[in-house]
């Protein structure tokens, strides 16, 4: 059934988001500072995968920013590196592209969307490393190799 135009859905507060993240990912570090939610954790997309350092930065009614960092990232200098907004070669850091604008909104839990989507992105990233082909679908944004 479609959305009812007479009932506005409530934006989830940063506290709601923080609690959901802490429940779903208790080993990660999550906190709110000056109106911004930060989440830092380690994600492993499969039993055969590397473990990746992931950071999420989220401000209400803004798009979450997800970065992956560390020496487990490979081929950062590949001109066809898929689904990233930014690559920082010096810091071994990438800002990844996870979804179309309309696929996430402030009524959705980050723990149920952005973090699982990040795991899925990492899964397809590892397939890309092995095959050179991106099988995760979507549209590639134009990436830039700059500091983030």
N, C-alpha and C. Protein backbone atom coordinates (compact mmCIF):
# COMPACT_ATOMS: atom_id res chain seq x y z
N UNK A 1 0.84 -1.17 0.00
CA UNK A 1 0.00 0.00 0.00
C UNK A 1 0.89 1.24 0.00
N UNK A 2 0.53 2.27 -0.75
CA UNK A 2 1.32 3.49 -0.87
C UNK A 2 1.29 4.33 0.40
N UNK A 3 2.14 5.31 0.43
CA UNK A 3 2.19 6.22 1.57
C UNK A 3 0.93 7.06 1.61
N UNK A 4 0.47 7.31 2.82
CA UNK A 4 -0.69 8.15 2.99
C UNK A 4 -0.22 9.60 3.06
N UNK A 5 -0.71 10.45 2.17
CA UNK A 5 -0.25 11.82 2.11
C UNK A 5 -0.70 12.65 3.30
N UNK A 6 -1.62 12.13 4.11
CA UNK A 6 -2.12 12.88 5.26
C UNK A 6 -1.34 12.61 6.53
N UNK A 7 -0.52 11.58 6.53
CA UNK A 7 0.26 11.25 7.72
C UNK A 7 1.74 11.35 7.38
N UNK A 8 2.38 12.27 8.05
CA UNK A 8 3.81 12.47 7.82
C UNK A 8 4.58 11.45 8.64
N UNK A 9 5.53 10.77 8.01
CA UNK A 9 6.38 9.84 8.74
C UNK A 9 7.42 10.64 9.50
N UNK A 10 7.73 10.19 10.69
CA UNK A 10 8.68 10.90 11.52
C UNK A 10 10.11 10.54 11.18
N UNK A 11 10.95 11.55 11.20
CA UNK A 11 12.38 11.34 11.06
C UNK A 11 12.87 10.65 12.33
N UNK A 12 13.69 9.64 12.16
CA UNK A 12 14.29 8.97 13.32
C UNK A 12 15.36 9.88 13.91
N UNK A 13 15.36 10.01 15.22
CA UNK A 13 16.35 10.86 15.88
C UNK A 13 17.73 10.20 15.83
N UNK A 14 18.75 10.99 16.09
CA UNK A 14 20.10 10.44 16.15
C UNK A 14 20.22 9.43 17.29
N UNK A 15 19.50 9.67 18.37
CA UNK A 15 19.51 8.72 19.50
C UNK A 15 18.90 7.38 19.06
N UNK A 16 17.78 7.43 18.33
CA UNK A 16 17.17 6.19 17.81
C UNK A 16 18.17 5.45 16.93
N UNK A 17 18.84 6.19 16.06
CA UNK A 17 19.82 5.58 15.16
C UNK A 17 20.98 4.98 15.95
N UNK A 18 21.46 5.71 16.95
CA UNK A 18 22.58 5.25 17.77
C UNK A 18 22.24 3.95 18.50
N UNK A 19 21.06 3.91 19.11
CA UNK A 19 20.64 2.71 19.84
C UNK A 19 20.56 1.51 18.90
N UNK A 20 19.95 1.71 17.73
CA UNK A 20 19.83 0.60 16.77
C UNK A 20 21.20 0.11 16.31
N UNK A 21 22.13 1.03 16.07
CA UNK A 21 23.48 0.64 15.66
C UNK A 21 24.20 -0.12 16.77
N UNK A 22 24.06 0.34 18.01
CA UNK A 22 24.73 -0.32 19.14
C UNK A 22 24.17 -1.72 19.39
N UNK A 23 22.87 -1.89 19.16
CA UNK A 23 22.26 -3.21 19.31
C UNK A 23 22.71 -4.15 18.20
N UNK A 24 22.70 -3.66 16.97
CA UNK A 24 23.04 -4.50 15.82
C UNK A 24 24.54 -4.79 15.71
N UNK A 25 25.36 -3.84 16.14
CA UNK A 25 26.82 -3.95 16.00
C UNK A 25 27.49 -3.55 17.31
N UNK A 26 27.35 -4.38 18.35
CA UNK A 26 27.86 -3.99 19.68
C UNK A 26 29.38 -3.85 19.74
N UNK A 27 30.10 -4.48 18.83
CA UNK A 27 31.56 -4.40 18.85
C UNK A 27 32.08 -3.11 18.22
N UNK A 28 31.24 -2.38 17.55
CA UNK A 28 31.63 -1.13 16.88
C UNK A 28 31.54 0.04 17.86
N UNK A 29 32.16 1.12 17.48
CA UNK A 29 32.13 2.34 18.28
C UNK A 29 31.13 3.30 17.63
N UNK A 30 30.15 3.75 18.38
CA UNK A 30 29.16 4.68 17.85
C UNK A 30 28.90 5.76 18.90
N UNK A 31 28.81 7.00 18.43
CA UNK A 31 28.57 8.12 19.35
C UNK A 31 28.01 9.30 18.57
N UNK A 32 27.47 10.25 19.31
CA UNK A 32 26.96 11.49 18.73
C UNK A 32 27.79 12.63 19.28
N UNK A 33 28.22 13.51 18.38
CA UNK A 33 28.99 14.68 18.78
C UNK A 33 28.54 15.87 17.95
N UNK A 34 28.07 16.92 18.63
CA UNK A 34 27.65 18.16 17.97
C UNK A 34 26.65 17.93 16.84
N UNK A 35 25.66 17.11 17.10
CA UNK A 35 24.60 16.88 16.13
C UNK A 35 24.95 15.97 14.97
N UNK A 36 26.05 15.23 15.11
CA UNK A 36 26.46 14.29 14.06
C UNK A 36 26.67 12.93 14.71
N UNK A 37 26.14 11.90 14.06
CA UNK A 37 26.32 10.52 14.50
C UNK A 37 27.53 9.94 13.79
N UNK A 38 28.41 9.33 14.57
CA UNK A 38 29.59 8.66 14.03
C UNK A 38 29.53 7.19 14.40
N UNK A 39 29.87 6.34 13.45
CA UNK A 39 29.94 4.89 13.67
C UNK A 39 31.25 4.40 13.05
N UNK A 40 32.05 3.69 13.84
CA UNK A 40 33.31 3.12 13.36
C UNK A 40 33.29 1.63 13.67
N UNK A 41 33.44 0.82 12.65
CA UNK A 41 33.42 -0.61 12.87
C UNK A 41 34.25 -1.35 11.85
N UNK A 42 34.35 -2.64 12.06
CA UNK A 42 35.05 -3.52 11.13
C UNK A 42 34.00 -4.44 10.51
N UNK A 43 34.04 -4.53 9.18
CA UNK A 43 33.08 -5.36 8.46
C UNK A 43 33.81 -6.37 7.59
N UNK A 44 33.26 -7.57 7.55
CA UNK A 44 33.81 -8.65 6.74
C UNK A 44 32.66 -9.24 5.92
N UNK A 45 32.68 -9.07 4.60
CA UNK A 45 31.52 -9.46 3.80
C UNK A 45 31.29 -10.96 3.64
N UNK A 46 32.31 -11.79 3.88
CA UNK A 46 32.12 -13.25 3.82
C UNK A 46 33.21 -13.92 4.66
N UNK A 47 33.07 -15.20 4.86
CA UNK A 47 34.05 -15.93 5.65
C UNK A 47 35.42 -15.98 4.99
N UNK A 48 35.47 -15.78 3.69
CA UNK A 48 36.73 -15.81 2.96
C UNK A 48 37.31 -14.42 2.70
N UNK A 49 36.64 -13.41 3.23
CA UNK A 49 37.00 -12.02 2.92
C UNK A 49 37.99 -11.42 3.91
N UNK A 50 38.55 -10.32 3.46
CA UNK A 50 39.33 -9.46 4.35
C UNK A 50 38.36 -8.72 5.26
N UNK A 51 38.90 -8.15 6.34
CA UNK A 51 38.11 -7.29 7.22
C UNK A 51 38.46 -5.85 6.90
N UNK A 52 37.44 -5.01 6.82
CA UNK A 52 37.61 -3.62 6.40
C UNK A 52 37.22 -2.66 7.52
N UNK A 53 37.96 -1.58 7.62
CA UNK A 53 37.64 -0.50 8.56
C UNK A 53 36.63 0.42 7.88
N UNK A 54 35.49 0.58 8.53
CA UNK A 54 34.41 1.37 7.94
C UNK A 54 34.00 2.47 8.91
N UNK A 55 33.77 3.66 8.36
CA UNK A 55 33.28 4.79 9.15
C UNK A 55 32.04 5.35 8.49
N UNK A 56 31.08 5.68 9.33
CA UNK A 56 29.83 6.29 8.88
C UNK A 56 29.69 7.62 9.61
N UNK A 57 29.29 8.62 8.86
CA UNK A 57 29.03 9.95 9.42
C UNK A 57 27.64 10.35 8.96
N UNK A 58 26.76 10.70 9.91
CA UNK A 58 25.38 10.99 9.54
C UNK A 58 24.84 12.16 10.33
N UNK A 59 24.29 13.11 9.60
CA UNK A 59 23.61 14.26 10.17
C UNK A 59 22.16 14.17 9.72
N UNK A 60 21.23 14.49 10.61
CA UNK A 60 19.82 14.37 10.28
C UNK A 60 19.46 15.05 8.97
N UNK A 61 18.67 14.36 8.20
CA UNK A 61 18.15 14.82 6.91
C UNK A 61 19.25 15.08 5.87
N UNK A 62 20.41 14.50 6.09
CA UNK A 62 21.50 14.56 5.12
C UNK A 62 21.81 13.13 4.69
N UNK A 63 22.55 13.01 3.62
CA UNK A 63 22.96 11.68 3.17
C UNK A 63 24.11 11.18 4.04
N UNK A 64 24.04 9.94 4.48
CA UNK A 64 25.16 9.38 5.24
C UNK A 64 26.41 9.31 4.36
N UNK A 65 27.54 9.54 4.97
CA UNK A 65 28.83 9.42 4.28
C UNK A 65 29.52 8.18 4.84
N UNK A 66 29.87 7.26 3.95
CA UNK A 66 30.52 6.02 4.36
C UNK A 66 31.90 5.97 3.72
N UNK A 67 32.90 5.76 4.58
CA UNK A 67 34.26 5.61 4.08
C UNK A 67 34.83 4.27 4.53
N UNK A 68 35.70 3.74 3.70
CA UNK A 68 36.42 2.50 3.99
C UNK A 68 37.89 2.86 3.92
N UNK A 69 38.68 2.34 4.87
CA UNK A 69 40.09 2.71 4.90
C UNK A 69 40.96 1.51 5.27
N UNK A 70 42.24 1.66 5.02
CA UNK A 70 43.21 0.66 5.45
C UNK A 70 43.88 -0.06 4.30
N UNK A 71 44.90 -0.80 4.67
CA UNK A 71 45.72 -1.49 3.68
C UNK A 71 45.04 -2.70 3.04
N UNK A 72 43.87 -3.10 3.53
CA UNK A 72 43.14 -4.17 2.86
C UNK A 72 42.49 -3.70 1.57
N UNK A 73 42.44 -2.38 1.37
CA UNK A 73 41.95 -1.86 0.10
C UNK A 73 43.03 -2.05 -0.96
N UNK A 74 42.61 -2.52 -2.10
CA UNK A 74 43.54 -2.79 -3.21
C UNK A 74 43.09 -2.03 -4.45
N UNK A 75 44.01 -1.85 -5.38
CA UNK A 75 43.76 -1.23 -6.69
C UNK A 75 43.20 0.19 -6.58
N UNK A 76 43.60 0.93 -5.54
CA UNK A 76 43.09 2.29 -5.39
C UNK A 76 43.47 3.19 -6.56
N UNK A 77 44.54 2.86 -7.24
CA UNK A 77 44.98 3.68 -8.37
C UNK A 77 44.37 3.24 -9.70
N UNK A 78 43.50 2.23 -9.67
CA UNK A 78 42.85 1.76 -10.90
C UNK A 78 41.89 2.85 -11.40
N UNK A 79 42.03 3.29 -12.65
CA UNK A 79 41.14 4.35 -13.16
C UNK A 79 39.68 3.92 -13.25
N UNK A 80 39.42 2.61 -13.20
CA UNK A 80 38.04 2.10 -13.26
C UNK A 80 37.53 1.64 -11.91
N UNK A 81 38.13 2.13 -10.82
CA UNK A 81 37.67 1.74 -9.48
C UNK A 81 36.17 2.06 -9.37
N UNK A 82 35.35 1.05 -9.04
CA UNK A 82 33.90 1.22 -9.14
C UNK A 82 33.24 1.81 -7.89
N UNK A 83 32.18 2.50 -8.14
CA UNK A 83 31.22 2.96 -7.12
C UNK A 83 31.85 3.68 -5.94
N UNK A 84 32.67 4.66 -6.25
CA UNK A 84 33.22 5.52 -5.20
C UNK A 84 33.02 6.98 -5.61
N UNK A 85 32.90 7.84 -4.60
CA UNK A 85 32.84 9.27 -4.85
C UNK A 85 34.24 9.87 -4.80
N UNK A 86 35.02 9.41 -3.83
CA UNK A 86 36.36 9.95 -3.63
C UNK A 86 37.34 8.85 -3.28
N UNK A 87 38.58 9.05 -3.70
CA UNK A 87 39.67 8.15 -3.34
C UNK A 87 40.82 9.01 -2.85
N UNK A 88 41.33 8.69 -1.66
CA UNK A 88 42.50 9.37 -1.13
C UNK A 88 43.63 8.34 -1.06
N UNK A 89 44.52 8.40 -2.03
CA UNK A 89 45.60 7.42 -2.12
C UNK A 89 46.56 7.51 -0.94
N UNK A 90 46.82 8.70 -0.45
CA UNK A 90 47.76 8.87 0.66
C UNK A 90 47.25 8.29 1.96
N UNK A 91 45.95 8.38 2.18
CA UNK A 91 45.35 7.89 3.43
C UNK A 91 44.75 6.50 3.29
N UNK A 92 44.84 5.89 2.11
CA UNK A 92 44.20 4.59 1.85
C UNK A 92 42.73 4.66 2.27
N UNK A 93 42.00 5.60 1.68
CA UNK A 93 40.64 5.90 2.10
C UNK A 93 39.76 6.13 0.88
N UNK A 94 38.57 5.54 0.91
CA UNK A 94 37.60 5.75 -0.16
C UNK A 94 36.25 6.11 0.44
N UNK A 95 35.52 6.96 -0.26
CA UNK A 95 34.14 7.26 0.08
C UNK A 95 33.29 6.50 -0.92
N UNK A 96 32.48 5.56 -0.42
CA UNK A 96 31.79 4.65 -1.34
C UNK A 96 30.37 5.12 -1.68
N UNK A 97 29.92 4.68 -2.84
CA UNK A 97 28.58 4.96 -3.36
C UNK A 97 27.72 3.72 -3.11
N UNK A 98 26.66 3.89 -2.32
CA UNK A 98 25.86 2.74 -1.91
C UNK A 98 24.46 2.68 -2.50
N UNK A 99 23.89 3.81 -2.87
CA UNK A 99 22.47 3.82 -3.23
C UNK A 99 22.14 5.06 -4.04
N UNK A 100 20.98 5.02 -4.70
CA UNK A 100 20.44 6.20 -5.36
C UNK A 100 19.84 7.11 -4.28
N UNK A 101 19.76 8.39 -4.57
CA UNK A 101 19.28 9.36 -3.59
C UNK A 101 17.96 8.97 -2.93
N UNK A 102 17.02 8.49 -3.71
CA UNK A 102 15.68 8.21 -3.18
C UNK A 102 15.59 6.88 -2.42
N UNK A 103 16.63 6.09 -2.41
CA UNK A 103 16.58 4.78 -1.75
C UNK A 103 16.78 4.85 -0.23
N UNK A 104 17.30 5.96 0.27
CA UNK A 104 17.46 6.12 1.71
C UNK A 104 16.81 7.42 2.14
N UNK A 105 16.13 7.37 3.28
CA UNK A 105 15.58 8.60 3.86
C UNK A 105 15.70 8.52 5.38
N UNK A 106 15.40 9.63 6.02
CA UNK A 106 15.63 9.75 7.46
C UNK A 106 14.62 8.98 8.32
N UNK A 107 13.70 8.28 7.69
CA UNK A 107 12.79 7.40 8.43
C UNK A 107 13.33 5.97 8.50
N UNK A 108 14.47 5.73 7.89
CA UNK A 108 15.06 4.39 7.84
C UNK A 108 16.20 4.27 8.83
N UNK A 109 16.34 3.08 9.39
CA UNK A 109 17.45 2.84 10.31
C UNK A 109 18.74 2.59 9.54
N UNK A 110 19.80 3.26 9.95
CA UNK A 110 21.12 3.04 9.36
C UNK A 110 21.55 1.58 9.56
N UNK A 111 21.22 1.02 10.71
CA UNK A 111 21.60 -0.36 11.03
C UNK A 111 20.95 -1.37 10.11
N UNK A 112 19.80 -1.02 9.53
CA UNK A 112 19.06 -1.92 8.64
C UNK A 112 19.31 -1.63 7.16
N UNK A 113 19.95 -0.53 6.87
CA UNK A 113 20.14 -0.13 5.47
C UNK A 113 21.62 0.11 5.16
N UNK A 114 22.14 1.21 5.62
CA UNK A 114 23.47 1.66 5.22
C UNK A 114 24.56 0.65 5.58
N UNK A 115 24.54 0.10 6.79
CA UNK A 115 25.59 -0.85 7.16
C UNK A 115 25.46 -2.15 6.35
N UNK A 116 24.29 -2.76 6.24
CA UNK A 116 24.19 -3.95 5.37
C UNK A 116 24.52 -3.65 3.91
N UNK A 117 24.16 -2.47 3.42
CA UNK A 117 24.50 -2.10 2.05
C UNK A 117 26.02 -1.98 1.90
N UNK A 118 26.68 -1.54 2.96
CA UNK A 118 28.15 -1.45 2.93
C UNK A 118 28.77 -2.84 2.85
N UNK A 119 28.22 -3.78 3.62
CA UNK A 119 28.71 -5.17 3.55
C UNK A 119 28.53 -5.70 2.14
N UNK A 120 27.38 -5.43 1.55
CA UNK A 120 27.13 -5.88 0.18
C UNK A 120 28.11 -5.21 -0.80
N UNK A 121 28.37 -3.93 -0.63
CA UNK A 121 29.32 -3.23 -1.49
C UNK A 121 30.70 -3.89 -1.38
N UNK A 122 31.13 -4.20 -0.16
CA UNK A 122 32.43 -4.84 0.05
C UNK A 122 32.48 -6.21 -0.61
N UNK A 123 31.38 -6.94 -0.57
CA UNK A 123 31.29 -8.25 -1.22
C UNK A 123 31.54 -8.11 -2.73
N UNK A 124 30.85 -7.16 -3.36
CA UNK A 124 31.03 -6.96 -4.80
C UNK A 124 32.39 -6.34 -5.13
N UNK A 125 32.92 -5.55 -4.20
CA UNK A 125 34.26 -5.01 -4.38
C UNK A 125 35.28 -6.15 -4.47
N UNK A 126 35.16 -7.15 -3.61
CA UNK A 126 36.10 -8.27 -3.65
C UNK A 126 35.94 -9.08 -4.93
N UNK A 127 34.74 -9.22 -5.43
CA UNK A 127 34.54 -9.89 -6.71
C UNK A 127 35.19 -9.06 -7.82
N UNK A 128 35.04 -7.74 -7.76
CA UNK A 128 35.69 -6.87 -8.75
C UNK A 128 37.21 -7.03 -8.70
N UNK A 129 37.78 -7.12 -7.49
CA UNK A 129 39.23 -7.32 -7.38
C UNK A 129 39.66 -8.60 -8.10
N UNK A 130 38.86 -9.65 -7.97
CA UNK A 130 39.22 -10.95 -8.55
C UNK A 130 38.96 -11.02 -10.06
N UNK A 131 37.90 -10.34 -10.53
CA UNK A 131 37.49 -10.51 -11.92
C UNK A 131 37.67 -9.28 -12.80
N UNK A 132 37.73 -8.12 -12.18
CA UNK A 132 37.78 -6.88 -12.95
C UNK A 132 36.42 -6.40 -13.39
N UNK A 133 35.36 -7.12 -13.01
CA UNK A 133 33.99 -6.75 -13.38
C UNK A 133 33.19 -6.42 -12.12
N UNK A 134 32.38 -5.35 -12.20
CA UNK A 134 31.50 -4.98 -11.09
C UNK A 134 30.14 -5.63 -11.33
N UNK A 135 29.76 -6.54 -10.44
CA UNK A 135 28.49 -7.26 -10.57
C UNK A 135 27.43 -6.74 -9.61
N UNK A 136 27.71 -5.64 -8.93
CA UNK A 136 26.79 -5.11 -7.93
C UNK A 136 25.71 -4.19 -8.48
N UNK A 137 25.70 -3.99 -9.79
CA UNK A 137 24.67 -3.14 -10.38
C UNK A 137 24.89 -1.67 -10.08
N UNK A 138 23.86 -0.88 -10.35
CA UNK A 138 23.92 0.54 -10.09
C UNK A 138 24.64 1.31 -11.18
N UNK A 139 24.79 2.60 -10.94
CA UNK A 139 25.49 3.49 -11.86
C UNK A 139 26.76 3.96 -11.16
N UNK A 140 27.85 3.97 -11.89
CA UNK A 140 29.12 4.43 -11.33
C UNK A 140 29.13 5.95 -11.28
N UNK A 141 29.34 6.54 -10.11
CA UNK A 141 29.52 7.99 -10.09
C UNK A 141 30.91 8.33 -10.62
N UNK A 142 31.10 9.56 -10.99
CA UNK A 142 32.42 10.01 -11.41
C UNK A 142 33.27 10.16 -10.15
N UNK A 143 34.33 9.37 -10.03
CA UNK A 143 35.16 9.44 -8.83
C UNK A 143 36.28 10.44 -9.03
N UNK A 144 36.73 10.95 -7.91
CA UNK A 144 37.82 11.91 -7.92
C UNK A 144 38.89 11.43 -6.96
N UNK A 145 40.13 11.56 -7.35
CA UNK A 145 41.23 11.19 -6.47
C UNK A 145 41.71 12.44 -5.75
N UNK A 146 41.07 12.70 -4.61
CA UNK A 146 41.42 13.88 -3.82
C UNK A 146 41.38 13.50 -2.35
N UNK A 147 41.78 14.40 -1.52
CA UNK A 147 41.66 14.18 -0.08
C UNK A 147 40.20 14.24 0.33
N UNK A 148 39.83 13.43 1.30
CA UNK A 148 38.43 13.42 1.75
C UNK A 148 38.34 14.21 3.04
